[in-house]
Amino acid sequence: MKILTASILFLLVSNAGAENVPLPASVPGADDIVSEFRTQIVNKIVDLGKNYISTIRGNTLAFTNSDSMKCNEVTHEAGERLATIQYTYSQKGKQLLEQVTYTGCNSQISLVEDIITDGEDLSPMSFKDIIKGKRTIELAQNETRRIYKMSNGEGDEIFSVIAEKNTGTQSVNFKFVEQKFLAVNYRYTPEATRAVLTFYGYEASYVRKYGRWGMRNKMDPFNLSVFAKKEGDVNYFNNNGNLISLSSFVSTFNKTVMDSTISTVSDIIEYHTYYFPKTDATKSGNQAQQFIDDLRLAQNRLLANTDISLVKILIQELINAAEIGQIIDNRPKKK
């Protein structure tokens, strides 16, 4: 499901300090980009909580059923575990290692998230945030590097991000099936912040027993950049260094990243939710269901108090669509 169809999308990867000139508040950060393809599994976990009995013991969330049922062609008796989310972590000196494992029917591992963070005085994620679907890629002041990786049960990498920072600079590199498709470099001064996005062509494939995905994005690397001044001015530039509009910037980013790579990653993650037991909240593929899915996701984000900027963008998109007649309100009028 594509969430940010007309949003302002470049990656704000830094919480590097109050002295940095902020990029526009309406611009989603790297956490928001990662949350785009994670939407599928987040929604599935929410649906499991509505359809099955959930219990938490330590850092494990388990789902069971009150009656005997079939789960991926195998009969499970009442009270047996159908799915789990398990969180583990360890710390070695100045490095924190965290892992979230998603296990579905018949104890089959669906997906695994690995997060490695370097820095000082590091703290593990709270399990409450984990089960809500909150993930942090952006680096705090006490952190110097973070690696985030999503893999399947066999250890094959689906998606990864590496964020690193030094004095006055920060970089983030995104890969799909070990192929780099986007790099963002930031430079901070007391007077301005500059973000340079470099887009890469690549050829990659991901093959499973019941699915196959291929991406062939043949293009030469090119840049877009954003320059925010302390006074509040924000300028956008194309590959030739010429000024472009915000609309052109957004359109290029969405076409190059969101509507291709991130959309494909989202489809792959949805495929892997097959390992979980069925839920009543399934997609029908029609426009009404798409609308409902978007609203449900916004509600989940509000309840979890995460990705609020994306909720604001969705509301603005709905207002714009209603104004041009793309949304018809057939509800009874209030008296």
C-alpha atoms as a PDB file:
ATOM      1  CA  MET A   1       0.000   0.000   0.000  1.00  0.00           C
ATOM      2  CA  LYS A   2       1.418   3.377  -0.987  1.00  0.00           C
ATOM      3  CA  ILE A   3       0.931   5.893   1.772  1.00  0.00           C
ATOM      4  CA  LEU A   4       2.784   9.009   0.678  1.00  0.00           C
ATOM      5  CA  THR A   5       1.452   9.470  -2.831  1.00  0.00           C
ATOM      6  CA  ALA A   6       1.907  13.237  -2.895  1.00  0.00           C
ATOM      7  CA  SER A   7       4.045  14.040   0.108  1.00  0.00           C
ATOM      8  CA  ILE A   8       7.255  15.946   0.598  1.00  0.00           C
ATOM      9  CA  LEU A   9       9.816  13.179   0.727  1.00  0.00           C
ATOM     10  CA  PHE A  10      13.450  13.540   1.509  1.00  0.00           C
ATOM     11  CA  LEU A  11      15.229  11.986   4.409  1.00  0.00           C
ATOM     12  CA  LEU A  12      15.791  13.975   7.576  1.00  0.00           C
ATOM     13  CA  VAL A  13      18.113  11.568   9.309  1.00  0.00           C
ATOM     14  CA  SER A  14      19.487  13.827  12.027  1.00  0.00           C
ATOM     15  CA  ASN A  15      18.643  14.819  15.537  1.00  0.00           C
ATOM     16  CA  ALA A  16      22.201  16.079  15.610  1.00  0.00           C
ATOM     17  CA  GLY A  17      21.675  19.046  17.886  1.00  0.00           C
ATOM     18  CA  ALA A  18      19.844  22.264  18.534  1.00  0.00           C
ATOM     19  CA  GLU A  19      22.518  24.265  16.692  1.00  0.00           C
ATOM     20  CA  ASN A  20      21.570  22.703  13.360  1.00  0.00           C
ATOM     21  CA  VAL A  21      19.215  24.616  11.092  1.00  0.00           C
ATOM     22  CA  PRO A  22      16.099  22.424  10.832  1.00  0.00           C
ATOM     23  CA  LEU A  23      14.672  21.247   7.552  1.00  0.00           C
ATOM     24  CA  PRO A  24      10.930  21.924   7.071  1.00  0.00           C
ATOM     25  CA  ALA A  25       8.752  20.413   9.789  1.00  0.00           C
ATOM     26  CA  SER A  26       6.434  18.920   7.160  1.00  0.00           C
ATOM     27  CA  VAL A  27       9.250  16.786   5.745  1.00  0.00           C
ATOM     28  CA  PRO A  28       9.144  13.148   6.975  1.00  0.00           C
ATOM     29  CA  GLY A  29      12.360  11.695   8.328  1.00  0.00           C
ATOM     30  CA  ALA A  30      14.171   8.427   7.687  1.00  0.00           C
ATOM     31  CA  ASP A  31      12.001   6.739  10.305  1.00  0.00           C
ATOM     32  CA  ASP A  32       8.944   7.622   8.217  1.00  0.00           C
ATOM     33  CA  ILE A  33      10.503   6.131   5.083  1.00  0.00           C
ATOM     34  CA  VAL A  34      11.214   2.849   6.853  1.00  0.00           C
ATOM     35  CA  SER A  35       7.691   2.860   8.289  1.00  0.00           C
ATOM     36  CA  GLU A  36       6.316   2.941   4.724  1.00  0.00           C
ATOM     37  CA  PHE A  37       7.274  -0.631   3.882  1.00  0.00           C
ATOM     38  CA  ARG A  38       6.761  -1.778   7.483  1.00  0.00           C
ATOM     39  CA  THR A  39       3.105  -0.760   7.228  1.00  0.00           C
ATOM     40  CA  GLN A  40       2.157  -4.240   6.046  1.00  0.00           C
ATOM     41  CA  ILE A  41       3.494  -6.057   9.083  1.00  0.00           C
ATOM     42  CA  VAL A  42       2.350  -3.350  11.516  1.00  0.00           C
ATOM     43  CA  ASN A  43      -1.223  -3.651  10.234  1.00  0.00           C
ATOM     44  CA  LYS A  44      -1.024  -7.447  10.406  1.00  0.00           C
ATOM     45  CA  ILE A  45       0.043  -7.330  14.061  1.00  0.00           C
ATOM     46  CA  VAL A  46      -2.849  -4.966  14.809  1.00  0.00           C
ATOM     47  CA  ASP A  47      -5.260  -7.364  13.079  1.00  0.00           C
ATOM     48  CA  LEU A  48      -3.851 -10.344  14.997  1.00  0.00           C
ATOM     49  CA  GLY A  49      -4.555  -8.480  18.219  1.00  0.00           C
ATOM     50  CA  LYS A  50      -8.175  -8.033  17.166  1.00  0.00           C
ATOM     51  CA  ASN A  51      -8.699 -11.627  16.027  1.00  0.00           C
ATOM     52  CA  TYR A  52      -6.746 -13.660  18.571  1.00  0.00           C
ATOM     53  CA  ILE A  53      -5.818 -13.725  22.252  1.00  0.00           C
ATOM     54  CA  SER A  54      -2.625 -11.784  22.894  1.00  0.00           C
ATOM     55  CA  THR A  55      -0.352 -12.233  25.911  1.00  0.00           C
ATOM     56  CA  ILE A  56       2.965 -10.624  26.836  1.00  0.00           C
ATOM     57  CA  ARG A  57       5.631 -12.438  28.817  1.00  0.00           C
ATOM     58  CA  GLY A  58       8.933 -10.667  29.138  1.00  0.00           C
ATOM     59  CA  ASN A  59       9.891  -9.432  25.696  1.00  0.00           C
ATOM     60  CA  THR A  60       7.622 -11.820  23.792  1.00  0.00           C
ATOM     61  CA  LEU A  61       4.145 -11.093  22.446  1.00  0.00           C
ATOM     62  CA  ALA A  62       2.215 -14.269  21.642  1.00  0.00           C
ATOM     63  CA  PHE A  63      -1.098 -14.830  19.848  1.00  0.00           C
ATOM     64  CA  THR A  64      -3.283 -17.861  20.599  1.00  0.00           C
ATOM     65  CA  ASN A  65      -6.782 -19.003  19.672  1.00  0.00           C
ATOM     66  CA  SER A  66      -9.617 -20.044  21.969  1.00  0.00           C
ATOM     67  CA  ASP A  67     -10.702 -22.860  19.636  1.00  0.00           C
ATOM     68  CA  SER A  68      -9.044 -25.541  17.548  1.00  0.00           C
ATOM     69  CA  MET A  69      -8.211 -24.197  14.085  1.00  0.00           C
ATOM     70  CA  LYS A  70      -6.119 -24.743  11.000  1.00  0.00           C
ATOM     71  CA  CYS A  71      -3.146 -22.476  10.465  1.00  0.00           C
ATOM     72  CA  ASN A  72      -1.388 -22.913   7.114  1.00  0.00           C
ATOM     73  CA  GLU A  73      -2.910 -26.375   6.681  1.00  0.00           C
ATOM     74  CA  VAL A  74      -1.847 -27.614  10.130  1.00  0.00           C
ATOM     75  CA  THR A  75      -4.410 -28.066  12.922  1.00  0.00           C
ATOM     76  CA  HIS A  76      -3.628 -26.233  16.155  1.00  0.00           C
ATOM     77  CA  GLU A  77      -5.453 -27.026  19.370  1.00  0.00           C
ATOM     78  CA  ALA A  78      -7.007 -24.299  21.493  1.00  0.00           C
ATOM     79  CA  GLY A  79      -4.392 -22.345  23.426  1.00  0.00           C
ATOM     80  CA  GLU A  80      -1.476 -23.205  21.134  1.00  0.00           C
ATOM     81  CA  ARG A  81       0.741 -20.376  19.964  1.00  0.00           C
ATOM     82  CA  LEU A  82      -0.060 -19.262  16.439  1.00  0.00           C
ATOM     83  CA  ALA A  83       2.349 -16.327  16.137  1.00  0.00           C
ATOM     84  CA  THR A  84       4.916 -14.454  18.220  1.00  0.00           C
ATOM     85  CA  ILE A  85       7.018 -11.298  18.240  1.00  0.00           C
ATOM     86  CA  GLN A  86      10.211 -11.772  20.220  1.00  0.00           C
ATOM     87  CA  TYR A  87      12.731  -9.068  21.111  1.00  0.00           C
ATOM     88  CA  THR A  88      16.296  -9.731  22.269  1.00  0.00           C
ATOM     89  CA  TYR A  89      19.264  -7.443  22.799  1.00  0.00           C
ATOM     90  CA  SER A  90      22.846  -7.450  24.026  1.00  0.00           C
ATOM     91  CA  GLN A  91      25.501  -4.809  24.547  1.00  0.00           C
ATOM     92  CA  LYS A  92      29.192  -5.094  23.798  1.00  0.00           C
ATOM     93  CA  GLY A  93      31.109  -2.027  24.920  1.00  0.00           C
ATOM     94  CA  LYS A  94      29.880   0.916  22.862  1.00  0.00           C
ATOM     95  CA  GLN A  95      27.711  -1.210  20.561  1.00  0.00           C
ATOM     96  CA  LEU A  96      24.085  -2.233  21.094  1.00  0.00           C
ATOM     97  CA  LEU A  97      22.735  -5.265  19.201  1.00  0.00           C
ATOM     98  CA  GLU A  98      18.939  -5.632  18.934  1.00  0.00           C
ATOM     99  CA  GLN A  99      16.807  -8.196  17.116  1.00  0.00           C
ATOM    100  CA  VAL A 100      13.067  -8.584  16.548  1.00  0.00           C
ATOM    101  CA  THR A 101      11.896 -11.985  15.284  1.00  0.00           C
ATOM    102  CA  TYR A 102       8.423 -12.547  13.802  1.00  0.00           C
ATOM    103  CA  THR A 103       7.280 -16.167  13.955  1.00  0.00           C
ATOM    104  CA  GLY A 104       4.080 -17.406  12.350  1.00  0.00           C
ATOM    105  CA  CYS A 105       2.165 -20.642  12.007  1.00  0.00           C
ATOM    106  CA  ASN A 106       3.998 -23.893  12.674  1.00  0.00           C
ATOM    107  CA  SER A 107       6.884 -21.934  14.271  1.00  0.00           C
ATOM    108  CA  GLN A 108       8.004 -20.658  10.875  1.00  0.00           C
ATOM    109  CA  ILE A 109      10.086 -17.483  11.046  1.00  0.00           C
ATOM    110  CA  SER A 110       8.479 -14.849   8.859  1.00  0.00           C
ATOM    111  CA  LEU A 111      10.803 -11.844   9.180  1.00  0.00           C
ATOM    112  CA  VAL A 112      13.763 -10.711  11.264  1.00  0.00           C
ATOM    113  CA  GLU A 113      14.850  -7.152  12.054  1.00  0.00           C
ATOM    114  CA  ASP A 114      18.446  -6.527  13.153  1.00  0.00           C
ATOM    115  CA  ILE A 115      19.509  -3.144  14.539  1.00  0.00           C
ATOM    116  CA  ILE A 116      23.116  -2.337  15.435  1.00  0.00           C
ATOM    117  CA  THR A 117      23.879   1.005  17.100  1.00  0.00           C
ATOM    118  CA  ASP A 118      27.262   2.532  18.000  1.00  0.00           C
ATOM    119  CA  GLY A 119      27.607   5.327  20.542  1.00  0.00           C
ATOM    120  CA  GLU A 120      27.766   6.292  24.206  1.00  0.00           C
ATOM    121  CA  ASP A 121      25.284   5.462  27.000  1.00  0.00           C
ATOM    122  CA  LEU A 122      23.078   3.414  24.661  1.00  0.00           C
ATOM    123  CA  SER A 123      19.626   2.223  25.719  1.00  0.00           C
ATOM    124  CA  PRO A 124      17.588  -0.615  24.136  1.00  0.00           C
ATOM    125  CA  MET A 125      14.187   0.017  22.614  1.00  0.00           C
ATOM    126  CA  SER A 126      11.188  -0.388  24.878  1.00  0.00           C
ATOM    127  CA  PHE A 127       9.087  -3.463  24.134  1.00  0.00           C
ATOM    128  CA  LYS A 128       6.016  -1.221  24.181  1.00  0.00           C
ATOM    129  CA  ASP A 129       7.398   0.744  21.218  1.00  0.00           C
ATOM    130  CA  ILE A 130       8.409  -2.459  19.464  1.00  0.00           C
ATOM    131  CA  ILE A 131       4.939  -3.996  19.453  1.00  0.00           C
ATOM    132  CA  LYS A 132       3.491  -0.630  18.368  1.00  0.00           C
ATOM    133  CA  GLY A 133       5.741  -0.777  15.311  1.00  0.00           C
ATOM    134  CA  LYS A 134       7.961   2.176  16.182  1.00  0.00           C
ATOM    135  CA  ARG A 135      11.492   1.974  14.779  1.00  0.00           C
ATOM    136  CA  THR A 136      14.249   4.560  15.041  1.00  0.00           C
ATOM    137  CA  ILE A 137      16.813   5.087  12.296  1.00  0.00           C
ATOM    138  CA  GLU A 138      17.593   8.727  13.005  1.00  0.00           C
ATOM    139  CA  LEU A 139      20.641   9.186  15.208  1.00  0.00           C
ATOM    140  CA  ALA A 140      20.485  10.820  18.610  1.00  0.00           C
ATOM    141  CA  GLN A 141      23.298  13.054  19.906  1.00  0.00           C
ATOM    142  CA  ASN A 142      24.960  10.173  21.756  1.00  0.00           C
ATOM    143  CA  GLU A 143      24.889   7.871  18.691  1.00  0.00           C
ATOM    144  CA  THR A 144      27.361   7.758  15.803  1.00  0.00           C
ATOM    145  CA  ARG A 145      26.106   4.922  13.585  1.00  0.00           C
ATOM    146  CA  ARG A 146      23.048   2.719  13.146  1.00  0.00           C
ATOM    147  CA  ILE A 147      22.507  -0.254  10.856  1.00  0.00           C
ATOM    148  CA  TYR A 148      18.950  -1.446  10.265  1.00  0.00           C
ATOM    149  CA  LYS A 149      18.293  -4.650   8.317  1.00  0.00           C
ATOM    150  CA  MET A 150      15.094  -6.534   7.459  1.00  0.00           C
ATOM    151  CA  SER A 151      15.621 -10.171   6.421  1.00  0.00           C
ATOM    152  CA  ASN A 152      13.493 -13.234   5.764  1.00  0.00           C
ATOM    153  CA  GLY A 153      13.536 -16.406   7.860  1.00  0.00           C
ATOM    154  CA  GLU A 154      16.435 -17.837   5.836  1.00  0.00           C
ATOM    155  CA  GLY A 155      18.600 -14.776   6.467  1.00  0.00           C
ATOM    156  CA  ASP A 156      18.254 -13.235   2.997  1.00  0.00           C
ATOM    157  CA  GLU A 157      18.410  -9.450   3.252  1.00  0.00           C
ATOM    158  CA  ILE A 158      15.368  -7.597   1.911  1.00  0.00           C
ATOM    159  CA  PHE A 159      16.131  -4.022   2.923  1.00  0.00           C
ATOM    160  CA  SER A 160      18.846  -2.203   4.864  1.00  0.00           C
ATOM    161  CA  VAL A 161      19.807   1.287   5.991  1.00  0.00           C
ATOM    162  CA  ILE A 162      23.112   2.575   7.344  1.00  0.00           C
ATOM    163  CA  ALA A 163      23.157   5.991   9.032  1.00  0.00           C
ATOM    164  CA  GLU A 164      26.476   7.531  10.113  1.00  0.00           C
ATOM    165  CA  LYS A 165      27.488  10.947  11.377  1.00  0.00           C
ATOM    166  CA  ASN A 166      30.619  12.969  11.991  1.00  0.00           C
ATOM    167  CA  THR A 167      31.154  16.536  13.132  1.00  0.00           C
ATOM    168  CA  GLY A 168      28.993  18.732  10.917  1.00  0.00           C
ATOM    169  CA  THR A 169      27.999  15.942   8.526  1.00  0.00           C
ATOM    170  CA  GLN A 170      25.762  12.917   8.321  1.00  0.00           C
ATOM    171  CA  SER A 171      25.048  10.269   5.697  1.00  0.00           C
ATOM    172  CA  VAL A 172      22.472   7.553   5.129  1.00  0.00           C
ATOM    173  CA  ASN A 173      22.568   4.772   2.553  1.00  0.00           C
ATOM    174  CA  PHE A 174      19.589   2.653   1.545  1.00  0.00           C
ATOM    175  CA  LYS A 175      19.759  -0.778  -0.092  1.00  0.00           C
ATOM    176  CA  PHE A 176      17.151  -3.121  -1.569  1.00  0.00           C
ATOM    177  CA  VAL A 177      18.292  -6.769  -1.804  1.00  0.00           C
ATOM    178  CA  GLU A 178      21.860  -5.498  -1.224  1.00  0.00           C
ATOM    179  CA  GLN A 179      21.615  -3.014  -4.120  1.00  0.00           C
ATOM    180  CA  LYS A 180      22.096   0.659  -3.196  1.00  0.00           C
ATOM    181  CA  PHE A 181      19.373   2.867  -4.638  1.00  0.00           C
ATOM    182  CA  LEU A 182      19.591   6.040  -2.523  1.00  0.00           C
ATOM    183  CA  ALA A 183      22.200   7.953  -0.535  1.00  0.00           C
ATOM    184  CA  VAL A 184      21.595  11.157   1.399  1.00  0.00           C
ATOM    185  CA  ASN A 185      24.399  13.377   2.673  1.00  0.00           C
ATOM    186  CA  TYR A 186      23.870  16.253   5.082  1.00  0.00           C
ATOM    187  CA  ARG A 187      26.123  19.175   5.902  1.00  0.00           C
ATOM    188  CA  TYR A 188      25.385  21.466   8.833  1.00  0.00           C
ATOM    189  CA  THR A 189      26.623  24.966   9.543  1.00  0.00           C
ATOM    190  CA  PRO A 190      25.323  27.508  12.061  1.00  0.00           C
ATOM    191  CA  GLU A 191      23.614  29.337   9.174  1.00  0.00           C
ATOM    192  CA  ALA A 192      22.173  26.533   7.021  1.00  0.00           C
ATOM    193  CA  THR A 193      21.549  22.836   6.448  1.00  0.00           C
ATOM    194  CA  ARG A 194      22.092  21.177   3.069  1.00  0.00           C
ATOM    195  CA  ALA A 195      20.824  17.729   2.095  1.00  0.00           C
ATOM    196  CA  VAL A 196      22.045  16.096  -1.132  1.00  0.00           C
ATOM    197  CA  LEU A 197      20.112  13.063  -2.356  1.00  0.00           C
ATOM    198  CA  THR A 198      21.831  10.764  -4.851  1.00  0.00           C
ATOM    199  CA  PHE A 199      19.667   8.278  -6.756  1.00  0.00           C
ATOM    200  CA  TYR A 200      21.200   5.115  -8.243  1.00  0.00           C
ATOM    201  CA  GLY A 201      20.044   2.719 -10.898  1.00  0.00           C
ATOM    202  CA  TYR A 202      20.172  -0.969 -10.057  1.00  0.00           C
ATOM    203  CA  GLU A 203      19.001  -4.427 -11.056  1.00  0.00           C
ATOM    204  CA  ALA A 204      17.782  -6.801  -8.361  1.00  0.00           C
ATOM    205  CA  SER A 205      15.506  -9.789  -7.892  1.00  0.00           C
ATOM    206  CA  TYR A 206      13.874 -11.490  -4.941  1.00  0.00           C
ATOM    207  CA  VAL A 207      12.511 -14.993  -5.458  1.00  0.00           C
ATOM    208  CA  ARG A 208      10.473 -17.108  -3.051  1.00  0.00           C
ATOM    209  CA  LYS A 209       8.505 -20.318  -3.470  1.00  0.00           C
ATOM    210  CA  TYR A 210       5.234 -18.585  -4.306  1.00  0.00           C
ATOM    211  CA  GLY A 211       6.436 -15.181  -5.466  1.00  0.00           C
ATOM    212  CA  ARG A 212       8.991 -13.397  -7.612  1.00  0.00           C
ATOM    213  CA  TRP A 213       9.919  -9.707  -7.703  1.00  0.00           C
ATOM    214  CA  GLY A 214      12.291  -8.074 -10.135  1.00  0.00           C
ATOM    215  CA  MET A 215      13.502  -4.480 -10.239  1.00  0.00           C
ATOM    216  CA  ARG A 216      15.377  -3.134 -13.212  1.00  0.00           C
ATOM    217  CA  ASN A 217      15.929   0.565 -12.704  1.00  0.00           C
ATOM    218  CA  LYS A 218      18.435   1.466 -15.391  1.00  0.00           C
ATOM    219  CA  MET A 219      19.612   5.057 -15.001  1.00  0.00           C
ATOM    220  CA  ASP A 220      22.743   7.067 -14.383  1.00  0.00           C
ATOM    221  CA  PRO A 221      23.175   8.416 -10.857  1.00  0.00           C
ATOM    222  CA  PHE A 222      21.708  11.892 -10.358  1.00  0.00           C
ATOM    223  CA  ASN A 223      21.213  14.343  -7.504  1.00  0.00           C
ATOM    224  CA  LEU A 224      18.534  16.472  -5.940  1.00  0.00           C
ATOM    225  CA  SER A 225      19.369  18.840  -3.112  1.00  0.00           C
ATOM    226  CA  VAL A 226      17.649  20.926  -0.466  1.00  0.00           C
ATOM    227  CA  PHE A 227      19.112  24.020   1.188  1.00  0.00           C
ATOM    228  CA  ALA A 228      17.484  25.437   4.328  1.00  0.00           C
ATOM    229  CA  LYS A 229      18.670  28.756   5.740  1.00  0.00           C
ATOM    230  CA  LYS A 230      18.507  29.923   9.317  1.00  0.00           C
ATOM    231  CA  GLU A 231      16.171  32.749   8.253  1.00  0.00           C
ATOM    232  CA  GLY A 232      13.599  30.171   7.139  1.00  0.00           C
ATOM    233  CA  ASP A 233      14.158  30.129   3.366  1.00  0.00           C
ATOM    234  CA  VAL A 234      14.188  26.678   1.701  1.00  0.00           C
ATOM    235  CA  ASN A 235      15.418  26.058  -1.853  1.00  0.00           C
ATOM    236  CA  TYR A 236      15.329  22.925  -3.998  1.00  0.00           C
ATOM    237  CA  PHE A 237      17.811  22.127  -6.800  1.00  0.00           C
ATOM    238  CA  ASN A 238      17.988  19.599  -9.632  1.00  0.00           C
ATOM    239  CA  ASN A 239      20.990  17.626 -10.899  1.00  0.00           C
ATOM    240  CA  ASN A 240      22.320  20.652 -12.783  1.00  0.00           C
ATOM    241  CA  GLY A 241      22.143  22.900  -9.738  1.00  0.00           C
ATOM    242  CA  ASN A 242      19.154  24.830 -11.065  1.00  0.00           C
ATOM    243  CA  LEU A 243      16.329  25.909  -8.792  1.00  0.00           C
ATOM    244  CA  ILE A 244      13.204  23.753  -9.024  1.00  0.00           C
ATOM    245  CA  SER A 245       9.789  23.876  -7.403  1.00  0.00           C
ATOM    246  CA  LEU A 246       8.773  21.884  -4.352  1.00  0.00           C
ATOM    247  CA  SER A 247       6.257  20.058  -6.556  1.00  0.00           C
ATOM    248  CA  SER A 248       9.002  18.987  -8.980  1.00  0.00           C
ATOM    249  CA  PHE A 249      11.195  17.815  -6.124  1.00  0.00           C
ATOM    250  CA  VAL A 250       8.387  15.730  -4.610  1.00  0.00           C
ATOM    251  CA  SER A 251       7.353  14.274  -7.970  1.00  0.00           C
ATOM    252  CA  THR A 252      10.891  13.151  -8.797  1.00  0.00           C
ATOM    253  CA  PHE A 253      11.459  11.585  -5.388  1.00  0.00           C
ATOM    254  CA  ASN A 254       8.159   9.725  -5.397  1.00  0.00           C
ATOM    255  CA  LYS A 255       8.618   8.423  -8.931  1.00  0.00           C
ATOM    256  CA  THR A 256      12.214   7.328  -8.349  1.00  0.00           C
ATOM    257  CA  VAL A 257      11.929   5.893  -4.833  1.00  0.00           C
ATOM    258  CA  MET A 258       8.449   5.571  -3.356  1.00  0.00           C
ATOM    259  CA  ASP A 259       6.459   4.391  -6.373  1.00  0.00           C
ATOM    260  CA  SER A 260       9.104   1.847  -7.388  1.00  0.00           C
ATOM    261  CA  THR A 261      11.552   0.529  -4.812  1.00  0.00           C
ATOM    262  CA  ILE A 262       9.664   1.183  -1.577  1.00  0.00           C
ATOM    263  CA  SER A 263       6.429  -0.052  -3.139  1.00  0.00           C
ATOM    264  CA  THR A 264       8.155  -3.306  -4.116  1.00  0.00           C
ATOM    265  CA  VAL A 265       9.621  -3.741  -0.623  1.00  0.00           C
ATOM    266  CA  SER A 266       6.134  -3.208   0.790  1.00  0.00           C
ATOM    267  CA  ASP A 267       4.755  -5.958  -1.472  1.00  0.00           C
ATOM    268  CA  ILE A 268       7.493  -8.351  -0.329  1.00  0.00           C
ATOM    269  CA  ILE A 269       6.783  -7.675   3.335  1.00  0.00           C
ATOM    270  CA  GLU A 270       3.078  -8.271   2.684  1.00  0.00           C
ATOM    271  CA  TYR A 271       3.957 -11.612   1.090  1.00  0.00           C
ATOM    272  CA  HIS A 272       5.771 -12.689   4.251  1.00  0.00           C
ATOM    273  CA  THR A 273       2.713 -11.982   6.407  1.00  0.00           C
ATOM    274  CA  TYR A 274       1.351 -15.190   4.823  1.00  0.00           C
ATOM    275  CA  TYR A 275       3.160 -17.055   7.606  1.00  0.00           C
ATOM    276  CA  PHE A 276       0.773 -15.576  10.173  1.00  0.00           C
ATOM    277  CA  PRO A 277      -2.731 -16.922  10.846  1.00  0.00           C
ATOM    278  CA  LYS A 278      -5.545 -15.445   8.806  1.00  0.00           C
ATOM    279  CA  THR A 279      -7.426 -12.440  10.108  1.00  0.00           C
ATOM    280  CA  ASP A 280     -10.821 -10.976   9.259  1.00  0.00           C
ATOM    281  CA  ALA A 281      -9.273  -7.637   8.291  1.00  0.00           C
ATOM    282  CA  THR A 282      -8.138  -8.549   4.778  1.00  0.00           C
ATOM    283  CA  LYS A 283      -7.675  -6.438   1.692  1.00  0.00           C
ATOM    284  CA  SER A 284     -10.197  -6.538  -1.118  1.00  0.00           C
ATOM    285  CA  GLY A 285      -8.137  -4.451  -3.528  1.00  0.00           C
ATOM    286  CA  ASN A 286     -10.905  -1.978  -4.347  1.00  0.00           C
ATOM    287  CA  GLN A 287     -10.747   1.778  -3.907  1.00  0.00           C
ATOM    288  CA  ALA A 288     -12.968   1.769  -0.817  1.00  0.00           C
ATOM    289  CA  GLN A 289     -10.682  -0.721   0.900  1.00  0.00           C
ATOM    290  CA  GLN A 290      -7.627   1.373   0.028  1.00  0.00           C
ATOM    291  CA  PHE A 291      -9.329   4.382   1.611  1.00  0.00           C
ATOM    292  CA  ILE A 292     -10.210   2.335   4.711  1.00  0.00           C
ATOM    293  CA  ASP A 293      -6.644   1.011   4.981  1.00  0.00           C
ATOM    294  CA  ASP A 294      -5.233   4.541   4.869  1.00  0.00           C
ATOM    295  CA  LEU A 295      -7.621   5.698   7.605  1.00  0.00           C
ATOM    296  CA  ARG A 296      -6.882   2.639   9.753  1.00  0.00           C
ATOM    297  CA  LEU A 297      -3.154   3.270   9.444  1.00  0.00           C
ATOM    298  CA  ALA A 298      -3.625   6.920  10.421  1.00  0.00           C
ATOM    299  CA  GLN A 299      -5.678   5.851  13.439  1.00  0.00           C
ATOM    300  CA  ASN A 300      -2.982   3.377  14.513  1.00  0.00           C
ATOM    301  CA  ARG A 301      -0.333   6.077  14.223  1.00  0.00           C
ATOM    302  CA  LEU A 302      -2.400   8.454  16.342  1.00  0.00           C
ATOM    303  CA  LEU A 303      -3.010   5.792  18.994  1.00  0.00           C
ATOM    304  CA  ALA A 304       0.691   4.958  19.087  1.00  0.00           C
ATOM    305  CA  ASN A 305       1.669   8.655  18.877  1.00  0.00           C
ATOM    306  CA  THR A 306       4.129   7.885  16.071  1.00  0.00           C
ATOM    307  CA  ASP A 307       4.689   9.338  12.583  1.00  0.00           C
ATOM    308  CA  ILE A 308       2.306  12.237  13.264  1.00  0.00           C
ATOM    309  CA  SER A 309       3.738  14.150  10.295  1.00  0.00           C
ATOM    310  CA  LEU A 310       2.441  11.388   7.988  1.00  0.00           C
ATOM    311  CA  VAL A 311      -1.040  11.690   9.498  1.00  0.00           C
ATOM    312  CA  LYS A 312      -0.991  15.438   8.803  1.00  0.00           C
ATOM    313  CA  ILE A 313       0.054  14.791   5.207  1.00  0.00           C
ATOM    314  CA  LEU A 314      -2.706  12.194   4.724  1.00  0.00           C
ATOM    315  CA  ILE A 315      -5.335  14.606   6.047  1.00  0.00           C
ATOM    316  CA  GLN A 316      -4.118  17.306   3.656  1.00  0.00           C
ATOM    317  CA  GLU A 317      -4.197  14.824   0.757  1.00  0.00           C
ATOM    318  CA  LEU A 318      -7.794  13.899   1.604  1.00  0.00           C
ATOM    319  CA  ILE A 319      -8.767  17.584   1.750  1.00  0.00           C
ATOM    320  CA  ASN A 320      -7.152  18.183  -1.657  1.00  0.00           C
ATOM    321  CA  ALA A 321      -8.868  15.124  -3.150  1.00  0.00           C
ATOM    322  CA  ALA A 322     -12.271  16.207  -1.795  1.00  0.00           C
ATOM    323  CA  GLU A 323     -11.855  19.708  -3.211  1.00  0.00           C
ATOM    324  CA  ILE A 324     -11.365  18.368  -6.760  1.00  0.00           C
ATOM    325  CA  GLY A 325     -14.173  15.806  -6.517  1.00  0.00           C
ATOM    326  CA  GLN A 326     -12.096  12.643  -6.067  1.00  0.00           C
ATOM    327  CA  ILE A 327     -13.861  11.853  -2.791  1.00  0.00           C
ATOM    328  CA  ILE A 328     -17.647  11.761  -2.676  1.00  0.00           C
ATOM    329  CA  ASP A 329     -19.297  12.020   0.744  1.00  0.00           C
ATOM    330  CA  ASN A 330     -22.489   9.928   0.809  1.00  0.00           C
ATOM    331  CA  ARG A 331     -22.919  10.008   4.565  1.00  0.00           C
ATOM    332  CA  PRO A 332     -26.286  11.240   5.903  1.00  0.00           C
ATOM    333  CA  LYS A 333     -26.201  14.969   6.519  1.00  0.00           C
ATOM    334  CA  LYS A 334     -26.066  16.091  10.122  1.00  0.00           C
ATOM    335  CA  LYS A 335     -29.207  17.838  11.271  1.00  0.00           C
END
